[in-house]
Amino acid sequence: MAELTPAQNEHVQYLIAQFMDKNGLDRSMAIKQLHLFVCNGSCSWYKNSGGSGTEFDHKSLTPDQRKGTKNLLDKVAADRNVTSEDLMKWFHVFRCHS
């Protein structure tokens, strides 16, 4: 099982906090929406949780939600001096491998 370093976990926690603040969401809903965007239905956690037709249906994100999430992810990555790809990978490990 993959594990995050303390620094990687800190970046993920910052992303979650920023997403909560920007969207007025509680932590659980912020993680859920980030998961829908980051994993886009491709991870085994998603498939094992029911997939399409459930609350984890990645198609439930609107185009505006996708764009806003991508923009925030890019901003957080730039602020933290990491790549968006790494931040998404770390979020996947945090959400789907813990």
N, C-alpha and C. Protein backbone atom coordinates (compact mmCIF):
# COMPACT_ATOMS: atom_id res chain seq x y z
N MET A 1 0.84 -1.17 0.00
CA MET A 1 0.00 0.00 0.00
C MET A 1 0.89 1.25 0.00
N ALA A 2 0.57 2.19 -0.83
CA ALA A 2 1.34 3.43 -0.92
C ALA A 2 1.07 4.30 0.31
N GLU A 3 2.10 5.02 0.70
CA GLU A 3 1.97 5.96 1.81
C GLU A 3 2.54 7.30 1.39
N LEU A 4 1.96 8.34 1.95
CA LEU A 4 2.44 9.69 1.69
C LEU A 4 3.52 10.07 2.69
N THR A 5 4.45 10.89 2.24
CA THR A 5 5.40 11.48 3.18
C THR A 5 4.65 12.56 3.95
N PRO A 6 5.19 13.00 5.09
CA PRO A 6 4.54 14.09 5.81
C PRO A 6 4.36 15.34 4.93
N ALA A 7 5.34 15.66 4.10
CA ALA A 7 5.23 16.83 3.23
C ALA A 7 4.11 16.65 2.20
N GLN A 8 4.02 15.47 1.61
CA GLN A 8 2.96 15.21 0.63
C GLN A 8 1.59 15.30 1.30
N ASN A 9 1.46 14.72 2.48
CA ASN A 9 0.20 14.79 3.22
C ASN A 9 -0.17 16.25 3.54
N GLU A 10 0.82 17.05 3.88
CA GLU A 10 0.57 18.46 4.17
C GLU A 10 0.01 19.17 2.93
N HIS A 11 0.55 18.88 1.77
CA HIS A 11 0.04 19.47 0.52
C HIS A 11 -1.42 19.05 0.29
N VAL A 12 -1.72 17.79 0.52
CA VAL A 12 -3.09 17.29 0.33
C VAL A 12 -4.04 17.96 1.31
N GLN A 13 -3.63 18.06 2.57
CA GLN A 13 -4.49 18.69 3.58
C GLN A 13 -4.74 20.16 3.25
N TYR A 14 -3.73 20.83 2.73
CA TYR A 14 -3.88 22.22 2.31
C TYR A 14 -4.87 22.32 1.14
N LEU A 15 -4.76 21.41 0.18
CA LEU A 15 -5.70 21.38 -0.94
C LEU A 15 -7.13 21.22 -0.43
N ILE A 16 -7.34 20.29 0.47
CA ILE A 16 -8.68 20.04 1.01
C ILE A 16 -9.20 21.29 1.71
N ALA A 17 -8.37 21.91 2.53
CA ALA A 17 -8.78 23.12 3.26
C ALA A 17 -9.14 24.25 2.30
N GLN A 18 -8.34 24.44 1.26
CA GLN A 18 -8.62 25.48 0.28
C GLN A 18 -9.92 25.18 -0.47
N PHE A 19 -10.15 23.92 -0.81
CA PHE A 19 -11.37 23.53 -1.50
C PHE A 19 -12.59 23.76 -0.62
N MET A 20 -12.46 23.44 0.67
CA MET A 20 -13.54 23.68 1.62
C MET A 20 -13.87 25.17 1.68
N ASP A 21 -12.84 26.00 1.85
CA ASP A 21 -13.03 27.44 1.97
C ASP A 21 -13.66 28.03 0.71
N LYS A 22 -13.13 27.67 -0.44
CA LYS A 22 -13.59 28.26 -1.70
C LYS A 22 -15.02 27.85 -2.02
N ASN A 23 -15.41 26.64 -1.66
CA ASN A 23 -16.72 26.12 -2.05
C ASN A 23 -17.74 26.05 -0.91
N GLY A 24 -17.33 26.47 0.28
CA GLY A 24 -18.24 26.45 1.42
C GLY A 24 -18.73 25.05 1.77
N LEU A 25 -17.81 24.08 1.70
CA LEU A 25 -18.16 22.68 1.95
C LEU A 25 -17.55 22.19 3.26
N ASP A 26 -18.19 21.18 3.84
CA ASP A 26 -17.55 20.52 4.97
C ASP A 26 -16.46 19.60 4.43
N ARG A 27 -15.63 19.10 5.32
CA ARG A 27 -14.48 18.29 4.90
C ARG A 27 -14.89 17.05 4.10
N SER A 28 -15.91 16.36 4.55
CA SER A 28 -16.36 15.15 3.88
C SER A 28 -16.80 15.43 2.44
N MET A 29 -17.59 16.47 2.25
CA MET A 29 -18.07 16.80 0.91
C MET A 29 -16.93 17.31 0.03
N ALA A 30 -16.00 18.04 0.60
CA ALA A 30 -14.85 18.52 -0.18
C ALA A 30 -14.02 17.34 -0.68
N ILE A 31 -13.77 16.37 0.19
CA ILE A 31 -13.01 15.18 -0.20
C ILE A 31 -13.76 14.41 -1.28
N LYS A 32 -15.06 14.28 -1.12
CA LYS A 32 -15.87 13.56 -2.10
C LYS A 32 -15.77 14.22 -3.47
N GLN A 33 -15.94 15.54 -3.52
CA GLN A 33 -15.90 16.23 -4.81
C GLN A 33 -14.50 16.21 -5.42
N LEU A 34 -13.48 16.38 -4.60
CA LEU A 34 -12.11 16.27 -5.12
C LEU A 34 -11.87 14.86 -5.67
N HIS A 35 -12.37 13.86 -4.96
CA HIS A 35 -12.20 12.47 -5.41
C HIS A 35 -12.88 12.26 -6.76
N LEU A 36 -14.08 12.79 -6.92
CA LEU A 36 -14.78 12.65 -8.19
C LEU A 36 -13.95 13.25 -9.33
N PHE A 37 -13.32 14.39 -9.07
CA PHE A 37 -12.52 15.04 -10.10
C PHE A 37 -11.19 14.31 -10.34
N VAL A 38 -10.47 14.03 -9.28
CA VAL A 38 -9.13 13.47 -9.39
C VAL A 38 -9.16 12.06 -9.97
N CYS A 39 -9.98 11.20 -9.44
CA CYS A 39 -9.98 9.80 -9.87
C CYS A 39 -10.88 9.57 -11.07
N ASN A 40 -11.86 10.42 -11.25
CA ASN A 40 -12.72 10.39 -12.43
C ASN A 40 -13.26 8.99 -12.71
N GLY A 41 -13.54 8.25 -11.64
CA GLY A 41 -14.13 6.93 -11.80
C GLY A 41 -13.18 5.83 -12.19
N SER A 42 -11.87 6.10 -12.18
CA SER A 42 -10.93 5.09 -12.66
C SER A 42 -10.26 4.28 -11.56
N CYS A 43 -10.40 4.66 -10.31
CA CYS A 43 -9.69 3.94 -9.26
C CYS A 43 -10.52 2.76 -8.75
N SER A 44 -9.87 1.81 -8.15
CA SER A 44 -10.55 0.62 -7.66
C SER A 44 -11.50 0.97 -6.51
N TRP A 45 -11.18 1.97 -5.72
CA TRP A 45 -12.08 2.38 -4.64
C TRP A 45 -13.42 2.78 -5.23
N TYR A 46 -13.38 3.58 -6.28
CA TYR A 46 -14.60 4.02 -6.95
C TYR A 46 -15.39 2.82 -7.47
N LYS A 47 -14.72 1.93 -8.17
CA LYS A 47 -15.39 0.77 -8.75
C LYS A 47 -15.99 -0.13 -7.67
N ASN A 48 -15.29 -0.28 -6.56
CA ASN A 48 -15.78 -1.12 -5.47
C ASN A 48 -16.89 -0.45 -4.66
N SER A 49 -17.11 0.83 -4.89
CA SER A 49 -18.13 1.57 -4.13
C SER A 49 -19.42 1.76 -4.92
N GLY A 50 -19.54 1.14 -6.05
CA GLY A 50 -20.79 1.18 -6.78
C GLY A 50 -20.74 1.86 -8.12
N GLY A 51 -19.79 2.76 -8.32
CA GLY A 51 -19.63 3.40 -9.62
C GLY A 51 -20.84 4.19 -10.08
N SER A 52 -21.09 4.16 -11.35
CA SER A 52 -22.15 4.93 -11.97
C SER A 52 -23.51 4.62 -11.33
N GLY A 53 -24.30 5.68 -11.16
CA GLY A 53 -25.62 5.52 -10.57
C GLY A 53 -25.63 5.64 -9.06
N THR A 54 -24.48 5.89 -8.46
CA THR A 54 -24.40 6.06 -7.01
C THR A 54 -23.93 7.47 -6.71
N GLU A 55 -23.79 7.77 -5.44
CA GLU A 55 -23.30 9.09 -5.07
C GLU A 55 -21.87 9.32 -5.54
N PHE A 56 -21.19 8.29 -6.02
CA PHE A 56 -19.82 8.42 -6.48
C PHE A 56 -19.73 8.54 -8.00
N ASP A 57 -20.84 8.80 -8.64
CA ASP A 57 -20.86 8.92 -10.09
C ASP A 57 -20.09 10.17 -10.51
N HIS A 58 -18.93 9.97 -11.16
CA HIS A 58 -18.08 11.10 -11.54
C HIS A 58 -18.76 12.01 -12.55
N LYS A 59 -19.78 11.53 -13.23
CA LYS A 59 -20.49 12.36 -14.19
C LYS A 59 -21.39 13.39 -13.51
N SER A 60 -21.52 13.29 -12.19
CA SER A 60 -22.37 14.23 -11.47
C SER A 60 -21.74 15.60 -11.32
N LEU A 61 -20.44 15.73 -11.61
CA LEU A 61 -19.79 17.05 -11.56
C LEU A 61 -20.17 17.84 -12.80
N THR A 62 -20.58 19.09 -12.59
CA THR A 62 -20.92 19.95 -13.72
C THR A 62 -19.64 20.45 -14.38
N PRO A 63 -19.74 20.92 -15.63
CA PRO A 63 -18.55 21.50 -16.27
C PRO A 63 -17.96 22.65 -15.45
N ASP A 64 -18.81 23.46 -14.83
CA ASP A 64 -18.29 24.55 -13.99
C ASP A 64 -17.56 24.02 -12.76
N GLN A 65 -18.06 22.94 -12.16
CA GLN A 65 -17.39 22.35 -11.01
C GLN A 65 -16.04 21.77 -11.44
N ARG A 66 -15.99 21.13 -12.60
CA ARG A 66 -14.73 20.58 -13.10
C ARG A 66 -13.71 21.70 -13.35
N LYS A 67 -14.17 22.76 -14.00
CA LYS A 67 -13.27 23.89 -14.30
C LYS A 67 -12.78 24.54 -13.01
N GLY A 68 -13.69 24.77 -12.07
CA GLY A 68 -13.31 25.38 -10.80
C GLY A 68 -12.35 24.53 -10.00
N THR A 69 -12.58 23.23 -10.01
CA THR A 69 -11.69 22.31 -9.30
C THR A 69 -10.31 22.30 -9.94
N LYS A 70 -10.27 22.24 -11.26
CA LYS A 70 -8.99 22.25 -11.99
C LYS A 70 -8.23 23.55 -11.70
N ASN A 71 -8.92 24.68 -11.74
CA ASN A 71 -8.28 25.96 -11.47
C ASN A 71 -7.72 26.03 -10.06
N LEU A 72 -8.50 25.57 -9.08
CA LEU A 72 -8.03 25.58 -7.70
C LEU A 72 -6.86 24.64 -7.51
N LEU A 73 -6.94 23.46 -8.10
CA LEU A 73 -5.85 22.50 -8.00
C LEU A 73 -4.57 23.10 -8.59
N ASP A 74 -4.68 23.75 -9.74
CA ASP A 74 -3.51 24.38 -10.36
C ASP A 74 -2.95 25.50 -9.48
N LYS A 75 -3.84 26.28 -8.87
CA LYS A 75 -3.40 27.39 -8.01
C LYS A 75 -2.70 26.86 -6.76
N VAL A 76 -3.28 25.85 -6.13
CA VAL A 76 -2.67 25.27 -4.93
C VAL A 76 -1.32 24.67 -5.28
N ALA A 77 -1.24 23.96 -6.40
CA ALA A 77 0.03 23.37 -6.82
C ALA A 77 1.09 24.45 -7.02
N ALA A 78 0.72 25.54 -7.68
CA ALA A 78 1.67 26.63 -7.90
C ALA A 78 2.09 27.28 -6.58
N ASP A 79 1.10 27.50 -5.70
CA ASP A 79 1.39 28.10 -4.38
C ASP A 79 2.33 27.23 -3.56
N ARG A 80 2.20 25.92 -3.72
CA ARG A 80 2.98 24.96 -2.92
C ARG A 80 4.25 24.52 -3.64
N ASN A 81 4.46 25.03 -4.86
CA ASN A 81 5.65 24.70 -5.66
C ASN A 81 5.77 23.20 -5.95
N VAL A 82 4.62 22.63 -6.33
CA VAL A 82 4.56 21.23 -6.77
C VAL A 82 3.78 21.20 -8.08
N THR A 83 3.75 20.08 -8.74
CA THR A 83 2.97 19.98 -9.97
C THR A 83 1.53 19.56 -9.65
N SER A 84 0.62 19.93 -10.52
CA SER A 84 -0.77 19.51 -10.37
C SER A 84 -0.88 18.00 -10.44
N GLU A 85 -0.07 17.40 -11.31
CA GLU A 85 -0.10 15.95 -11.45
C GLU A 85 0.31 15.25 -10.16
N ASP A 86 1.37 15.77 -9.52
CA ASP A 86 1.79 15.18 -8.25
C ASP A 86 0.72 15.38 -7.18
N LEU A 87 0.14 16.56 -7.12
CA LEU A 87 -0.89 16.83 -6.13
C LEU A 87 -2.09 15.89 -6.32
N MET A 88 -2.47 15.65 -7.56
CA MET A 88 -3.57 14.72 -7.83
C MET A 88 -3.18 13.29 -7.44
N LYS A 89 -1.96 12.90 -7.74
CA LYS A 89 -1.48 11.56 -7.38
C LYS A 89 -1.49 11.39 -5.86
N TRP A 90 -1.02 12.41 -5.14
CA TRP A 90 -0.99 12.33 -3.69
C TRP A 90 -2.40 12.29 -3.11
N PHE A 91 -3.32 13.07 -3.69
CA PHE A 91 -4.70 13.03 -3.22
C PHE A 91 -5.28 11.63 -3.43
N HIS A 92 -5.00 11.03 -4.58
CA HIS A 92 -5.46 9.67 -4.86
C HIS A 92 -4.94 8.70 -3.79
N VAL A 93 -3.68 8.80 -3.46
CA VAL A 93 -3.11 7.93 -2.42
C VAL A 93 -3.81 8.18 -1.09
N PHE A 94 -4.01 9.46 -0.74
CA PHE A 94 -4.68 9.82 0.50
C PHE A 94 -6.09 9.24 0.56
N ARG A 95 -6.84 9.37 -0.52
CA ARG A 95 -8.25 8.99 -0.52
C ARG A 95 -8.47 7.50 -0.80
N CYS A 96 -7.73 6.98 -1.71
CA CYS A 96 -8.05 5.64 -2.23
C CYS A 96 -7.15 4.54 -1.68
N HIS A 97 -6.07 4.89 -1.02
CA HIS A 97 -5.17 3.87 -0.50
C HIS A 97 -5.00 3.95 1.01
N SER A 98 -5.88 4.69 1.66
CA SER A 98 -5.74 4.79 3.12
C SER A 98 -6.84 4.06 3.83
